[in-house]
Amino acid sequence: ANAGAAGPGRSEEVGTDVIQVTNVSPSASSEQMRTLFGFLGKIEELLDSPLPVSSRVCFVKFHDPDSAVVAQHLTNTVFVDRALIVVPYAEGFSRHESLFIKQLLKVESTPLENRLCLLTFGS
């Protein structure tokens, strides 16, 4: 067997324990997101916009990278009123990156007239 080949259920991407969830409904709460993804494995951290905006981004860090692989199968699942898009966040995130993402999500949920600048992740 080829040791470098991805086996069943394995992503071809470099393993990561973090997923990025986009197209999250403004009506979905962080607790609902935690419940949904908690069925797939133990969640170490969930970063989400604190305020409802037109389309939110959520990051979920799992204890086990296999949970992040399984979570990708929730892409196109309608949750509340939107079809979720779930992709691996290949970089993962350290404690410092976690703080940065929290600040970024805080900026994205700030009314436009109160923003000094906006940083976004490209896809």
PDB file of N, CA and C in Angstrom:
ATOM      1  N   ALA A   1       0.843  -1.196   0.000  1.00  0.00           N
ATOM      2  CA  ALA A   1       0.000   0.000   0.000  1.00  0.00           C
ATOM      3  C   ALA A   1       0.872   1.237   0.000  1.00  0.00           C
ATOM      4  N   ASN A   2       0.412   2.262  -0.652  1.00  0.00           N
ATOM      5  CA  ASN A   2       1.149   3.512  -0.720  1.00  0.00           C
ATOM      6  C   ASN A   2       0.891   4.311   0.546  1.00  0.00           C
ATOM      7  N   ALA A   3       1.928   4.501   1.353  1.00  0.00           N
ATOM      8  CA  ALA A   3       1.766   5.178   2.646  1.00  0.00           C
ATOM      9  C   ALA A   3       1.377   6.644   2.489  1.00  0.00           C
ATOM     10  N   GLY A   4       1.688   7.255   1.346  1.00  0.00           N
ATOM     11  CA  GLY A   4       1.380   8.669   1.161  1.00  0.00           C
ATOM     12  C   GLY A   4      -0.012   8.918   0.623  1.00  0.00           C
ATOM     13  N   ALA A   5      -0.688   7.858   0.178  1.00  0.00           N
ATOM     14  CA  ALA A   5      -2.018   8.038  -0.417  1.00  0.00           C
ATOM     15  C   ALA A   5      -3.065   8.242   0.661  1.00  0.00           C
ATOM     16  N   ALA A   6      -4.055   9.003   0.314  1.00  0.00           N
ATOM     17  CA  ALA A   6      -5.162   9.232   1.246  1.00  0.00           C
ATOM     18  C   ALA A   6      -6.058   8.014   1.243  1.00  0.00           C
ATOM     19  N   GLY A   7      -6.417   7.542   2.412  1.00  0.00           N
ATOM     20  CA  GLY A   7      -7.300   6.387   2.532  1.00  0.00           C
ATOM     21  C   GLY A   7      -8.746   6.828   2.512  1.00  0.00           C
ATOM     22  N   PRO A   8      -9.662   5.867   2.670  1.00  0.00           N
ATOM     23  CA  PRO A   8     -11.081   6.207   2.691  1.00  0.00           C
ATOM     24  C   PRO A   8     -11.388   7.224   3.779  1.00  0.00           C
ATOM     25  N   GLY A   9     -12.152   8.247   3.419  1.00  0.00           N
ATOM     26  CA  GLY A   9     -12.547   9.248   4.412  1.00  0.00           C
ATOM     27  C   GLY A   9     -11.460  10.252   4.731  1.00  0.00           C
ATOM     28  N   ARG A  10     -10.326  10.140   4.055  1.00  0.00           N
ATOM     29  CA  ARG A  10      -9.220  11.064   4.318  1.00  0.00           C
ATOM     30  C   ARG A  10      -9.193  12.147   3.256  1.00  0.00           C
ATOM     31  N   SER A  11      -8.888  13.345   3.671  1.00  0.00           N
ATOM     32  CA  SER A  11      -8.778  14.454   2.739  1.00  0.00           C
ATOM     33  C   SER A  11      -7.418  14.395   2.059  1.00  0.00           C
ATOM     34  N   GLU A  12      -7.362  14.816   0.810  1.00  0.00           N
ATOM     35  CA  GLU A  12      -6.096  14.913   0.100  1.00  0.00           C
ATOM     36  C   GLU A  12      -5.272  16.071   0.657  1.00  0.00           C
ATOM     37  N   GLU A  13      -5.935  17.004   1.320  1.00  0.00           N
ATOM     38  CA  GLU A  13      -5.264  18.179   1.851  1.00  0.00           C
ATOM     39  C   GLU A  13      -4.433  17.781   3.072  1.00  0.00           C
ATOM     40  N   VAL A  14      -3.518  18.674   3.421  1.00  0.00           N
ATOM     41  CA  VAL A  14      -2.753  18.482   4.641  1.00  0.00           C
ATOM     42  C   VAL A  14      -3.737  18.458   5.803  1.00  0.00           C
ATOM     43  N   GLY A  15      -3.572  17.506   6.723  1.00  0.00           N
ATOM     44  CA  GLY A  15      -4.509  17.368   7.832  1.00  0.00           C
ATOM     45  C   GLY A  15      -4.603  18.634   8.652  1.00  0.00           C
ATOM     46  N   THR A  16      -5.809  18.980   9.022  1.00  0.00           N
ATOM     47  CA  THR A  16      -6.040  20.143   9.874  1.00  0.00           C
ATOM     48  C   THR A  16      -7.177  19.805  10.819  1.00  0.00           C
ATOM     49  N   ASP A  17      -7.190  20.447  11.959  1.00  0.00           N
ATOM     50  CA  ASP A  17      -8.280  20.228  12.906  1.00  0.00           C
ATOM     51  C   ASP A  17      -9.250  21.401  12.900  1.00  0.00           C
ATOM     52  N   VAL A  18      -9.083  22.333  11.941  1.00  0.00           N
ATOM     53  CA  VAL A  18      -9.916  23.535  11.879  1.00  0.00           C
ATOM     54  C   VAL A  18     -10.688  23.581  10.561  1.00  0.00           C
ATOM     55  N   ILE A  19     -11.963  23.943  10.666  1.00  0.00           N
ATOM     56  CA  ILE A  19     -12.778  24.169   9.470  1.00  0.00           C
ATOM     57  C   ILE A  19     -13.255  25.609   9.460  1.00  0.00           C
ATOM     58  N   GLN A  20     -13.502  26.100   8.259  1.00  0.00           N
ATOM     59  CA  GLN A  20     -14.104  27.426   8.080  1.00  0.00           C
ATOM     60  C   GLN A  20     -15.493  27.186   7.519  1.00  0.00           C
ATOM     61  N   VAL A  21     -16.497  27.747   8.175  1.00  0.00           N
ATOM     62  CA  VAL A  21     -17.884  27.589   7.753  1.00  0.00           C
ATOM     63  C   VAL A  21     -18.366  28.956   7.282  1.00  0.00           C
ATOM     64  N   THR A  22     -18.786  29.030   6.023  1.00  0.00           N
ATOM     65  CA  THR A  22     -19.282  30.293   5.484  1.00  0.00           C
ATOM     66  C   THR A  22     -20.752  30.145   5.112  1.00  0.00           C
ATOM     67  N   ASN A  23     -21.360  31.273   4.784  1.00  0.00           N
ATOM     68  CA  ASN A  23     -22.786  31.352   4.457  1.00  0.00           C
ATOM     69  C   ASN A  23     -23.651  30.959   5.655  1.00  0.00           C
ATOM     70  N   VAL A  24     -23.182  31.326   6.838  1.00  0.00           N
ATOM     71  CA  VAL A  24     -23.919  31.026   8.071  1.00  0.00           C
ATOM     72  C   VAL A  24     -25.033  32.062   8.225  1.00  0.00           C
ATOM     73  N   SER A  25     -26.211  31.601   8.486  1.00  0.00           N
ATOM     74  CA  SER A  25     -27.373  32.475   8.630  1.00  0.00           C
ATOM     75  C   SER A  25     -27.201  33.428   9.811  1.00  0.00           C
ATOM     76  N   PRO A  26     -27.651  34.673   9.649  1.00  0.00           N
ATOM     77  CA  PRO A  26     -27.621  35.606  10.781  1.00  0.00           C
ATOM     78  C   PRO A  26     -28.512  35.136  11.930  1.00  0.00           C
ATOM     79  N   SER A  27     -29.479  34.267  11.615  1.00  0.00           N
ATOM     80  CA  SER A  27     -30.395  33.764  12.640  1.00  0.00           C
ATOM     81  C   SER A  27     -29.804  32.626  13.471  1.00  0.00           C
ATOM     82  N   ALA A  28     -28.721  32.016  12.998  1.00  0.00           N
ATOM     83  CA  ALA A  28     -28.109  30.886  13.715  1.00  0.00           C
ATOM     84  C   ALA A  28     -27.247  31.416  14.859  1.00  0.00           C
ATOM     85  N   SER A  29     -27.436  30.858  16.037  1.00  0.00           N
ATOM     86  CA  SER A  29     -26.635  31.284  17.187  1.00  0.00           C
ATOM     87  C   SER A  29     -25.339  30.472  17.252  1.00  0.00           C
ATOM     88  N   SER A  30     -24.376  30.991  18.005  1.00  0.00           N
ATOM     89  CA  SER A  30     -23.126  30.259  18.222  1.00  0.00           C
ATOM     90  C   SER A  30     -23.409  28.927  18.898  1.00  0.00           C
ATOM     91  N   GLU A  31     -24.374  28.915  19.804  1.00  0.00           N
ATOM     92  CA  GLU A  31     -24.721  27.676  20.505  1.00  0.00           C
ATOM     93  C   GLU A  31     -25.284  26.631  19.532  1.00  0.00           C
ATOM     94  N   GLN A  32     -26.094  27.081  18.576  1.00  0.00           N
ATOM     95  CA  GLN A  32     -26.621  26.159  17.567  1.00  0.00           C
ATOM     96  C   GLN A  32     -25.485  25.604  16.708  1.00  0.00           C
ATOM     97  N   MET A  33     -24.528  26.444  16.358  1.00  0.00           N
ATOM     98  CA  MET A  33     -23.374  25.988  15.579  1.00  0.00           C
ATOM     99  C   MET A  33     -22.563  24.976  16.381  1.00  0.00           C
ATOM    100  N   ARG A  34     -22.377  25.274  17.661  1.00  0.00           N
ATOM    101  CA  ARG A  34     -21.625  24.356  18.535  1.00  0.00           C
ATOM    102  C   ARG A  34     -22.347  23.014  18.635  1.00  0.00           C
ATOM    103  N   THR A  35     -23.669  23.038  18.741  1.00  0.00           N
ATOM    104  CA  THR A  35     -24.450  21.794  18.820  1.00  0.00           C
ATOM    105  C   THR A  35     -24.320  20.995  17.524  1.00  0.00           C
ATOM    106  N   LEU A  36     -24.492  21.674  16.374  1.00  0.00           N
ATOM    107  CA  LEU A  36     -24.412  20.996  15.080  1.00  0.00           C
ATOM    108  C   LEU A  36     -23.066  20.297  14.902  1.00  0.00           C
ATOM    109  N   PHE A  37     -21.981  21.029  15.090  1.00  0.00           N
ATOM    110  CA  PHE A  37     -20.660  20.450  14.857  1.00  0.00           C
ATOM    111  C   PHE A  37     -20.198  19.580  16.017  1.00  0.00           C
ATOM    112  N   GLY A  38     -20.787  19.766  17.189  1.00  0.00           N
ATOM    113  CA  GLY A  38     -20.453  18.933  18.341  1.00  0.00           C
ATOM    114  C   GLY A  38     -20.846  17.480  18.156  1.00  0.00           C
ATOM    115  N   PHE A  39     -21.815  17.216  17.288  1.00  0.00           N
ATOM    116  CA  PHE A  39     -22.192  15.830  16.993  1.00  0.00           C
ATOM    117  C   PHE A  39     -21.068  15.100  16.260  1.00  0.00           C
ATOM    118  N   LEU A  40     -20.146  15.833  15.652  1.00  0.00           N
ATOM    119  CA  LEU A  40     -19.084  15.227  14.857  1.00  0.00           C
ATOM    120  C   LEU A  40     -17.821  14.960  15.660  1.00  0.00           C
ATOM    121  N   GLY A  41     -17.707  15.585  16.817  1.00  0.00           N
ATOM    122  CA  GLY A  41     -16.518  15.384  17.646  1.00  0.00           C
ATOM    123  C   GLY A  41     -16.371  16.502  18.651  1.00  0.00           C
ATOM    124  N   LYS A  42     -15.418  16.321  19.555  1.00  0.00           N
ATOM    125  CA  LYS A  42     -15.170  17.310  20.599  1.00  0.00           C
ATOM    126  C   LYS A  42     -14.621  18.591  19.983  1.00  0.00           C
ATOM    127  N   ILE A  43     -15.262  19.717  20.316  1.00  0.00           N
ATOM    128  CA  ILE A  43     -14.844  21.026  19.818  1.00  0.00           C
ATOM    129  C   ILE A  43     -13.936  21.678  20.848  1.00  0.00           C
ATOM    130  N   GLU A  44     -12.744  22.071  20.408  1.00  0.00           N
ATOM    131  CA  GLU A  44     -11.823  22.788  21.292  1.00  0.00           C
ATOM    132  C   GLU A  44     -12.157  24.276  21.331  1.00  0.00           C
ATOM    133  N   GLU A  45     -12.544  24.815  20.162  1.00  0.00           N
ATOM    134  CA  GLU A  45     -12.826  26.250  20.102  1.00  0.00           C
ATOM    135  C   GLU A  45     -13.751  26.519  18.924  1.00  0.00           C
ATOM    136  N   LEU A  46     -14.662  27.467  19.116  1.00  0.00           N
ATOM    137  CA  LEU A  46     -15.548  27.918  18.043  1.00  0.00           C
ATOM    138  C   LEU A  46     -15.492  29.434  18.024  1.00  0.00           C
ATOM    139  N   LEU A  47     -15.087  29.986  16.890  1.00  0.00           N
ATOM    140  CA  LEU A  47     -14.998  31.437  16.740  1.00  0.00           C
ATOM    141  C   LEU A  47     -16.083  31.872  15.778  1.00  0.00           C
ATOM    142  N   ASP A  48     -16.879  32.835  16.190  1.00  0.00           N
ATOM    143  CA  ASP A  48     -18.037  33.248  15.413  1.00  0.00           C
ATOM    144  C   ASP A  48     -18.243  34.745  15.577  1.00  0.00           C
ATOM    145  N   SER A  49     -18.889  35.355  14.591  1.00  0.00           N
ATOM    146  CA  SER A  49     -19.242  36.768  14.695  1.00  0.00           C
ATOM    147  C   SER A  49     -20.171  36.969  15.884  1.00  0.00           C
ATOM    148  N   PRO A  50     -19.913  37.947  16.738  1.00  0.00           N
ATOM    149  CA  PRO A  50     -20.777  38.155  17.895  1.00  0.00           C
ATOM    150  C   PRO A  50     -22.130  38.774  17.543  1.00  0.00           C
ATOM    151  N   LEU A  51     -22.225  39.430  16.400  1.00  0.00           N
ATOM    152  CA  LEU A  51     -23.476  40.091  16.024  1.00  0.00           C
ATOM    153  C   LEU A  51     -23.985  39.544  14.698  1.00  0.00           C
ATOM    154  N   PRO A  52     -25.296  39.528  14.494  1.00  0.00           N
ATOM    155  CA  PRO A  52     -25.823  39.080  13.203  1.00  0.00           C
ATOM    156  C   PRO A  52     -25.416  40.030  12.080  1.00  0.00           C
ATOM    157  N   VAL A  53     -24.894  39.477  11.023  1.00  0.00           N
ATOM    158  CA  VAL A  53     -24.600  40.221   9.801  1.00  0.00           C
ATOM    159  C   VAL A  53     -25.208  39.437   8.650  1.00  0.00           C
ATOM    160  N   SER A  54     -25.184  39.973   7.441  1.00  0.00           N
ATOM    161  CA  SER A  54     -25.898  39.325   6.334  1.00  0.00           C
ATOM    162  C   SER A  54     -25.429  37.900   6.067  1.00  0.00           C
ATOM    163  N   SER A  55     -24.153  37.632   6.169  1.00  0.00           N
ATOM    164  CA  SER A  55     -23.635  36.279   5.993  1.00  0.00           C
ATOM    165  C   SER A  55     -22.407  36.137   6.876  1.00  0.00           C
ATOM    166  N   ARG A  56     -22.464  35.229   7.822  1.00  0.00           N
ATOM    167  CA  ARG A  56     -21.395  35.108   8.813  1.00  0.00           C
ATOM    168  C   ARG A  56     -20.389  34.030   8.435  1.00  0.00           C
ATOM    169  N   VAL A  57     -19.220  34.138   9.052  1.00  0.00           N
ATOM    170  CA  VAL A  57     -18.169  33.139   8.938  1.00  0.00           C
ATOM    171  C   VAL A  57     -17.921  32.595  10.335  1.00  0.00           C
ATOM    172  N   CYS A  58     -17.703  31.302  10.416  1.00  0.00           N
ATOM    173  CA  CYS A  58     -17.463  30.654  11.707  1.00  0.00           C
ATOM    174  C   CYS A  58     -16.257  29.732  11.537  1.00  0.00           C
ATOM    175  N   PHE A  59     -15.396  29.679  12.531  1.00  0.00           N
ATOM    176  CA  PHE A  59     -14.268  28.751  12.536  1.00  0.00           C
ATOM    177  C   PHE A  59     -14.474  27.767  13.672  1.00  0.00           C
ATOM    178  N   VAL A  60     -14.272  26.483  13.385  1.00  0.00           N
ATOM    179  CA  VAL A  60     -14.432  25.446  14.399  1.00  0.00           C
ATOM    180  C   VAL A  60     -13.133  24.660  14.480  1.00  0.00           C
ATOM    181  N   LYS A  61     -12.573  24.584  15.684  1.00  0.00           N
ATOM    182  CA  LYS A  61     -11.364  23.788  15.911  1.00  0.00           C
ATOM    183  C   LYS A  61     -11.762  22.545  16.694  1.00  0.00           C
ATOM    184  N   PHE A  62     -11.510  21.380  16.089  1.00  0.00           N
ATOM    185  CA  PHE A  62     -11.841  20.108  16.719  1.00  0.00           C
ATOM    186  C   PHE A  62     -10.637  19.550  17.466  1.00  0.00           C
ATOM    187  N   HIS A  63     -10.907  18.698  18.436  1.00  0.00           N
ATOM    188  CA  HIS A  63      -9.857  17.993  19.160  1.00  0.00           C
ATOM    189  C   HIS A  63      -9.184  16.983  18.229  1.00  0.00           C
ATOM    190  N   ASP A  64      -9.966  16.347  17.356  1.00  0.00           N
ATOM    191  CA  ASP A  64      -9.482  15.302  16.465  1.00  0.00           C
ATOM    192  C   ASP A  64      -9.598  15.766  15.003  1.00  0.00           C
ATOM    193  N   PRO A  65      -8.493  15.785  14.250  1.00  0.00           N
ATOM    194  CA  PRO A  65      -8.552  16.214  12.844  1.00  0.00           C
ATOM    195  C   PRO A  65      -9.539  15.405  11.995  1.00  0.00           C
ATOM    196  N   ASP A  66      -9.804  14.148  12.353  1.00  0.00           N
ATOM    197  CA  ASP A  66     -10.776  13.350  11.597  1.00  0.00           C
ATOM    198  C   ASP A  66     -12.174  13.982  11.649  1.00  0.00           C
ATOM    199  N   SER A  67     -12.493  14.653  12.734  1.00  0.00           N
ATOM    200  CA  SER A  67     -13.796  15.334  12.836  1.00  0.00           C
ATOM    201  C   SER A  67     -13.893  16.457  11.824  1.00  0.00           C
ATOM    202  N   ALA A  68     -12.774  17.133  11.560  1.00  0.00           N
ATOM    203  CA  ALA A  68     -12.760  18.211  10.566  1.00  0.00           C
ATOM    204  C   ALA A  68     -12.988  17.648   9.167  1.00  0.00           C
ATOM    205  N   VAL A  69     -12.455  16.463   8.907  1.00  0.00           N
ATOM    206  CA  VAL A  69     -12.673  15.808   7.604  1.00  0.00           C
ATOM    207  C   VAL A  69     -14.149  15.473   7.442  1.00  0.00           C
ATOM    208  N   VAL A  70     -14.753  14.883   8.467  1.00  0.00           N
ATOM    209  CA  VAL A  70     -16.172  14.506   8.412  1.00  0.00           C
ATOM    210  C   VAL A  70     -17.051  15.750   8.277  1.00  0.00           C
ATOM    211  N   ALA A  71     -16.685  16.829   8.960  1.00  0.00           N
ATOM    212  CA  ALA A  71     -17.489  18.060   8.937  1.00  0.00           C
ATOM    213  C   ALA A  71     -17.648  18.627   7.529  1.00  0.00           C
ATOM    214  N   GLN A  72     -16.672  18.386   6.672  1.00  0.00           N
ATOM    215  CA  GLN A  72     -16.746  18.899   5.299  1.00  0.00           C
ATOM    216  C   GLN A  72     -17.944  18.325   4.541  1.00  0.00           C
ATOM    217  N   HIS A  73     -18.433  17.170   4.983  1.00  0.00           N
ATOM    218  CA  HIS A  73     -19.605  16.552   4.344  1.00  0.00           C
ATOM    219  C   HIS A  73     -20.888  17.315   4.645  1.00  0.00           C
ATOM    220  N   LEU A  74     -20.826  18.294   5.549  1.00  0.00           N
ATOM    221  CA  LEU A  74     -22.003  19.121   5.827  1.00  0.00           C
ATOM    222  C   LEU A  74     -22.154  20.266   4.823  1.00  0.00           C
ATOM    223  N   THR A  75     -21.211  20.396   3.893  1.00  0.00           N
ATOM    224  CA  THR A  75     -21.346  21.411   2.841  1.00  0.00           C
ATOM    225  C   THR A  75     -22.660  21.182   2.101  1.00  0.00           C
ATOM    226  N   ASN A  76     -23.366  22.254   1.842  1.00  0.00           N
ATOM    227  CA  ASN A  76     -24.684  22.273   1.182  1.00  0.00           C
ATOM    228  C   ASN A  76     -25.824  21.813   2.080  1.00  0.00           C
ATOM    229  N   THR A  77     -25.534  21.528   3.344  1.00  0.00           N
ATOM    230  CA  THR A  77     -26.600  21.224   4.294  1.00  0.00           C
ATOM    231  C   THR A  77     -27.288  22.531   4.671  1.00  0.00           C
ATOM    232  N   VAL A  78     -28.602  22.571   4.518  1.00  0.00           N
ATOM    233  CA  VAL A  78     -29.327  23.786   4.890  1.00  0.00           C
ATOM    234  C   VAL A  78     -29.457  23.812   6.405  1.00  0.00           C
ATOM    235  N   PHE A  79     -28.913  24.867   7.009  1.00  0.00           N
ATOM    236  CA  PHE A  79     -28.955  25.043   8.455  1.00  0.00           C
ATOM    237  C   PHE A  79     -29.630  26.372   8.721  1.00  0.00           C
ATOM    238  N   VAL A  80     -30.739  26.354   9.405  1.00  0.00           N
ATOM    239  CA  VAL A  80     -31.639  27.479   9.623  1.00  0.00           C
ATOM    240  C   VAL A  80     -32.227  27.848   8.264  1.00  0.00           C
ATOM    241  N   ASP A  81     -31.608  28.767   7.522  1.00  0.00           N
ATOM    242  CA  ASP A  81     -32.169  29.133   6.218  1.00  0.00           C
ATOM    243  C   ASP A  81     -31.104  29.295   5.138  1.00  0.00           C
ATOM    244  N   ARG A  82     -29.908  28.735   5.376  1.00  0.00           N
ATOM    245  CA  ARG A  82     -28.798  28.871   4.420  1.00  0.00           C
ATOM    246  C   ARG A  82     -28.098  27.528   4.224  1.00  0.00           C
ATOM    247  N   ALA A  83     -27.589  27.317   3.016  1.00  0.00           N
ATOM    248  CA  ALA A  83     -26.764  26.134   2.743  1.00  0.00           C
ATOM    249  C   ALA A  83     -25.333  26.446   3.195  1.00  0.00           C
ATOM    250  N   LEU A  84     -24.840  25.686   4.164  1.00  0.00           N
ATOM    251  CA  LEU A  84     -23.502  25.920   4.699  1.00  0.00           C
ATOM    252  C   LEU A  84     -22.423  25.529   3.691  1.00  0.00           C
ATOM    253  N   ILE A  85     -21.306  26.214   3.768  1.00  0.00           N
ATOM    254  CA  ILE A  85     -20.124  25.856   2.988  1.00  0.00           C
ATOM    255  C   ILE A  85     -19.022  25.584   4.007  1.00  0.00           C
ATOM    256  N   VAL A  86     -18.549  24.340   4.048  1.00  0.00           N
ATOM    257  CA  VAL A  86     -17.564  23.919   5.045  1.00  0.00           C
ATOM    258  C   VAL A  86     -16.287  23.492   4.322  1.00  0.00           C
ATOM    259  N   VAL A  87     -15.188  24.158   4.634  1.00  0.00           N
ATOM    260  CA  VAL A  87     -13.905  23.827   4.025  1.00  0.00           C
ATOM    261  C   VAL A  87     -12.842  23.732   5.109  1.00  0.00           C
ATOM    262  N   PRO A  88     -11.790  22.938   4.847  1.00  0.00           N
ATOM    263  CA  PRO A  88     -10.706  22.890   5.835  1.00  0.00           C
ATOM    264  C   PRO A  88      -9.990  24.230   5.873  1.00  0.00           C
ATOM    265  N   TYR A  89      -9.610  24.628   7.042  1.00  0.00           N
ATOM    266  CA  TYR A  89      -8.809  25.838   7.197  1.00  0.00           C
ATOM    267  C   TYR A  89      -7.391  25.339   7.410  1.00  0.00           C
ATOM    268  N   ALA A  90      -6.672  25.178   6.303  1.00  0.00           N
ATOM    269  CA  ALA A  90      -5.401  24.450   6.281  1.00  0.00           C
ATOM    270  C   ALA A  90      -4.354  24.984   7.254  1.00  0.00           C
ATOM    271  N   GLU A  91      -4.396  26.267   7.515  1.00  0.00           N
ATOM    272  CA  GLU A  91      -3.389  26.832   8.405  1.00  0.00           C
ATOM    273  C   GLU A  91      -3.619  26.444   9.867  1.00  0.00           C
ATOM    274  N   GLY A  92      -4.839  25.978  10.189  1.00  0.00           N
ATOM    275  CA  GLY A  92      -5.170  25.766  11.598  1.00  0.00           C
ATOM    276  C   GLY A  92      -5.048  27.113  12.291  1.00  0.00           C
ATOM    277  N   PHE A  93      -5.008  27.138  13.595  1.00  0.00           N
ATOM    278  CA  PHE A  93      -4.673  28.396  14.243  1.00  0.00           C
ATOM    279  C   PHE A  93      -4.137  28.176  15.639  1.00  0.00           C
ATOM    280  N   SER A  94      -3.132  28.990  15.943  1.00  0.00           N
ATOM    281  CA  SER A  94      -2.511  28.974  17.259  1.00  0.00           C
ATOM    282  C   SER A  94      -3.302  29.900  18.172  1.00  0.00           C
ATOM    283  N   ARG A  95      -2.862  30.021  19.402  1.00  0.00           N
ATOM    284  CA  ARG A  95      -3.526  30.912  20.348  1.00  0.00           C
ATOM    285  C   ARG A  95      -3.502  32.353  19.836  1.00  0.00           C
ATOM    286  N   HIS A  96      -2.376  32.786  19.268  1.00  0.00           N
ATOM    287  CA  HIS A  96      -2.264  34.159  18.753  1.00  0.00           C
ATOM    288  C   HIS A  96      -3.173  34.350  17.543  1.00  0.00           C
ATOM    289  N   GLU A  97      -3.216  33.358  16.652  1.00  0.00           N
ATOM    290  CA  GLU A  97      -4.092  33.457  15.487  1.00  0.00           C
ATOM    291  C   GLU A  97      -5.556  33.448  15.919  1.00  0.00           C
ATOM    292  N   SER A  98      -5.854  32.694  16.964  1.00  0.00           N
ATOM    293  CA  SER A  98      -7.213  32.656  17.496  1.00  0.00           C
ATOM    294  C   SER A  98      -7.633  34.048  17.959  1.00  0.00           C
ATOM    295  N   LEU A  99      -6.736  34.763  18.639  1.00  0.00           N
ATOM    296  CA  LEU A  99      -7.038  36.124  19.090  1.00  0.00           C
ATOM    297  C   LEU A  99      -7.235  37.052  17.899  1.00  0.00           C
ATOM    298  N   PHE A 100      -6.402  36.879  16.854  1.00  0.00           N
ATOM    299  CA  PHE A 100      -6.529  37.697  15.656  1.00  0.00           C
ATOM    300  C   PHE A 100      -7.877  37.455  14.982  1.00  0.00           C
ATOM    301  N   ILE A 101      -8.264  36.183  14.847  1.00  0.00           N
ATOM    302  CA  ILE A 101      -9.539  35.851  14.201  1.00  0.00           C
ATOM    303  C   ILE A 101     -10.700  36.427  15.010  1.00  0.00           C
ATOM    304  N   LYS A 102     -10.611  36.344  16.332  1.00  0.00           N
ATOM    305  CA  LYS A 102     -11.661  36.938  17.176  1.00  0.00           C
ATOM    306  C   LYS A 102     -11.788  38.434  16.902  1.00  0.00           C
ATOM    307  N   GLN A 103     -10.650  39.117  16.781  1.00  0.00           N
ATOM    308  CA  GLN A 103     -10.685  40.552  16.490  1.00  0.00           C
ATOM    309  C   GLN A 103     -11.240  40.813  15.096  1.00  0.00           C
ATOM    310  N   LEU A 104     -10.861  39.960  14.140  1.00  0.00           N
ATOM    311  CA  LEU A 104     -11.360  40.101  12.775  1.00  0.00           C
ATOM    312  C   LEU A 104     -12.875  39.940  12.741  1.00  0.00           C
ATOM    313  N   LEU A 105     -13.385  38.926  13.415  1.00  0.00           N
ATOM    314  CA  LEU A 105     -14.832  38.709  13.438  1.00  0.00           C
ATOM    315  C   LEU A 105     -15.538  39.874  14.114  1.00  0.00           C
ATOM    316  N   LYS A 106     -14.893  40.469  15.111  1.00  0.00           N
ATOM    317  CA  LYS A 106     -15.463  41.628  15.792  1.00  0.00           C
ATOM    318  C   LYS A 106     -15.546  42.814  14.823  1.00  0.00           C
ATOM    319  N   VAL A 107     -14.494  43.003  14.013  1.00  0.00           N
ATOM    320  CA  VAL A 107     -14.482  44.093  13.026  1.00  0.00           C
ATOM    321  C   VAL A 107     -15.563  43.866  11.982  1.00  0.00           C
ATOM    322  N   GLU A 108     -15.694  42.608  11.487  1.00  0.00           N
ATOM    323  CA  GLU A 108     -16.677  42.312  10.442  1.00  0.00           C
ATOM    324  C   GLU A 108     -18.106  42.544  10.914  1.00  0.00           C
ATOM    325  N   SER A 109     -18.337  42.456  12.217  1.00  0.00           N
ATOM    326  CA  SER A 109     -19.699  42.642  12.717  1.00  0.00           C
ATOM    327  C   SER A 109     -19.950  44.070  13.189  1.00  0.00           C
ATOM    328  N   THR A 110     -18.958  44.943  13.033  1.00  0.00           N
ATOM    329  CA  THR A 110     -19.104  46.353  13.391  1.00  0.00           C
ATOM    330  C   THR A 110     -19.795  47.084  12.245  1.00  0.00           C
ATOM    331  N   PRO A 111     -20.768  47.944  12.537  1.00  0.00           N
ATOM    332  CA  PRO A 111     -21.416  48.698  11.461  1.00  0.00           C
ATOM    333  C   PRO A 111     -20.389  49.426  10.592  1.00  0.00           C
ATOM    334  N   LEU A 112     -20.634  49.442   9.300  1.00  0.00           N
ATOM    335  CA  LEU A 112     -19.691  49.998   8.336  1.00  0.00           C
ATOM    336  C   LEU A 112     -19.238  51.410   8.708  1.00  0.00           C
ATOM    337  N   GLU A 113     -20.148  52.242   9.172  1.00  0.00           N
ATOM    338  CA  GLU A 113     -19.770  53.627   9.472  1.00  0.00           C
ATOM    339  C   GLU A 113     -18.823  53.725  10.673  1.00  0.00           C
ATOM    340  N   ASN A 114     -18.705  52.660  11.477  1.00  0.00           N
ATOM    341  CA  ASN A 114     -17.820  52.682  12.639  1.00  0.00           C
ATOM    342  C   ASN A 114     -16.479  51.996  12.392  1.00  0.00           C
ATOM    343  N   ARG A 115     -16.258  51.457  11.193  1.00  0.00           N
ATOM    344  CA  ARG A 115     -15.029  50.733  10.892  1.00  0.00           C
ATOM    345  C   ARG A 115     -13.930  51.681  10.463  1.00  0.00           C
ATOM    346  N   LEU A 116     -12.706  51.410  10.954  1.00  0.00           N
ATOM    347  CA  LEU A 116     -11.540  52.145  10.483  1.00  0.00           C
ATOM    348  C   LEU A 116     -10.940  51.414   9.292  1.00  0.00           C
ATOM    349  N   CYS A 117     -10.919  50.096   9.366  1.00  0.00           N
ATOM    350  CA  CYS A 117     -10.396  49.284   8.259  1.00  0.00           C
ATOM    351  C   CYS A 117     -11.063  47.924   8.346  1.00  0.00           C
ATOM    352  N   LEU A 118     -10.962  47.168   7.279  1.00  0.00           N
ATOM    353  CA  LEU A 118     -11.558  45.833   7.242  1.00  0.00           C
ATOM    354  C   LEU A 118     -10.557  44.866   6.690  1.00  0.00           C
ATOM    355  N   LEU A 119     -10.275  43.810   7.424  1.00  0.00           N
ATOM    356  CA  LEU A 119      -9.403  42.742   6.968  1.00  0.00           C
ATOM    357  C   LEU A 119     -10.275  41.535   6.717  1.00  0.00           C
ATOM    358  N   THR A 120     -10.129  40.890   5.558  1.00  0.00           N
ATOM    359  CA  THR A 120     -10.910  39.699   5.288  1.00  0.00           C
ATOM    360  C   THR A 120      -9.994  38.614   4.753  1.00  0.00           C
ATOM    361  N   PHE A 121     -10.405  37.364   4.945  1.00  0.00           N
ATOM    362  CA  PHE A 121      -9.710  36.219   4.368  1.00  0.00           C
ATOM    363  C   PHE A 121     -10.249  35.982   2.989  1.00  0.00           C
ATOM    364  N   GLY A 122      -9.394  35.820   2.026  1.00  0.00           N
ATOM    365  CA  GLY A 122      -9.837  35.491   0.667  1.00  0.00           C
ATOM    366  C   GLY A 122     -10.070  34.004   0.556  1.00  0.00           C
ATOM    367  N   SER A 123     -10.829  33.616  -0.432  1.00  0.00           N
ATOM    368  CA  SER A 123     -11.040  32.188  -0.626  1.00  0.00           C
ATOM    369  C   SER A 123     -10.639  31.800  -2.020  1.00  0.00           C
TER     370      SER A 123
END
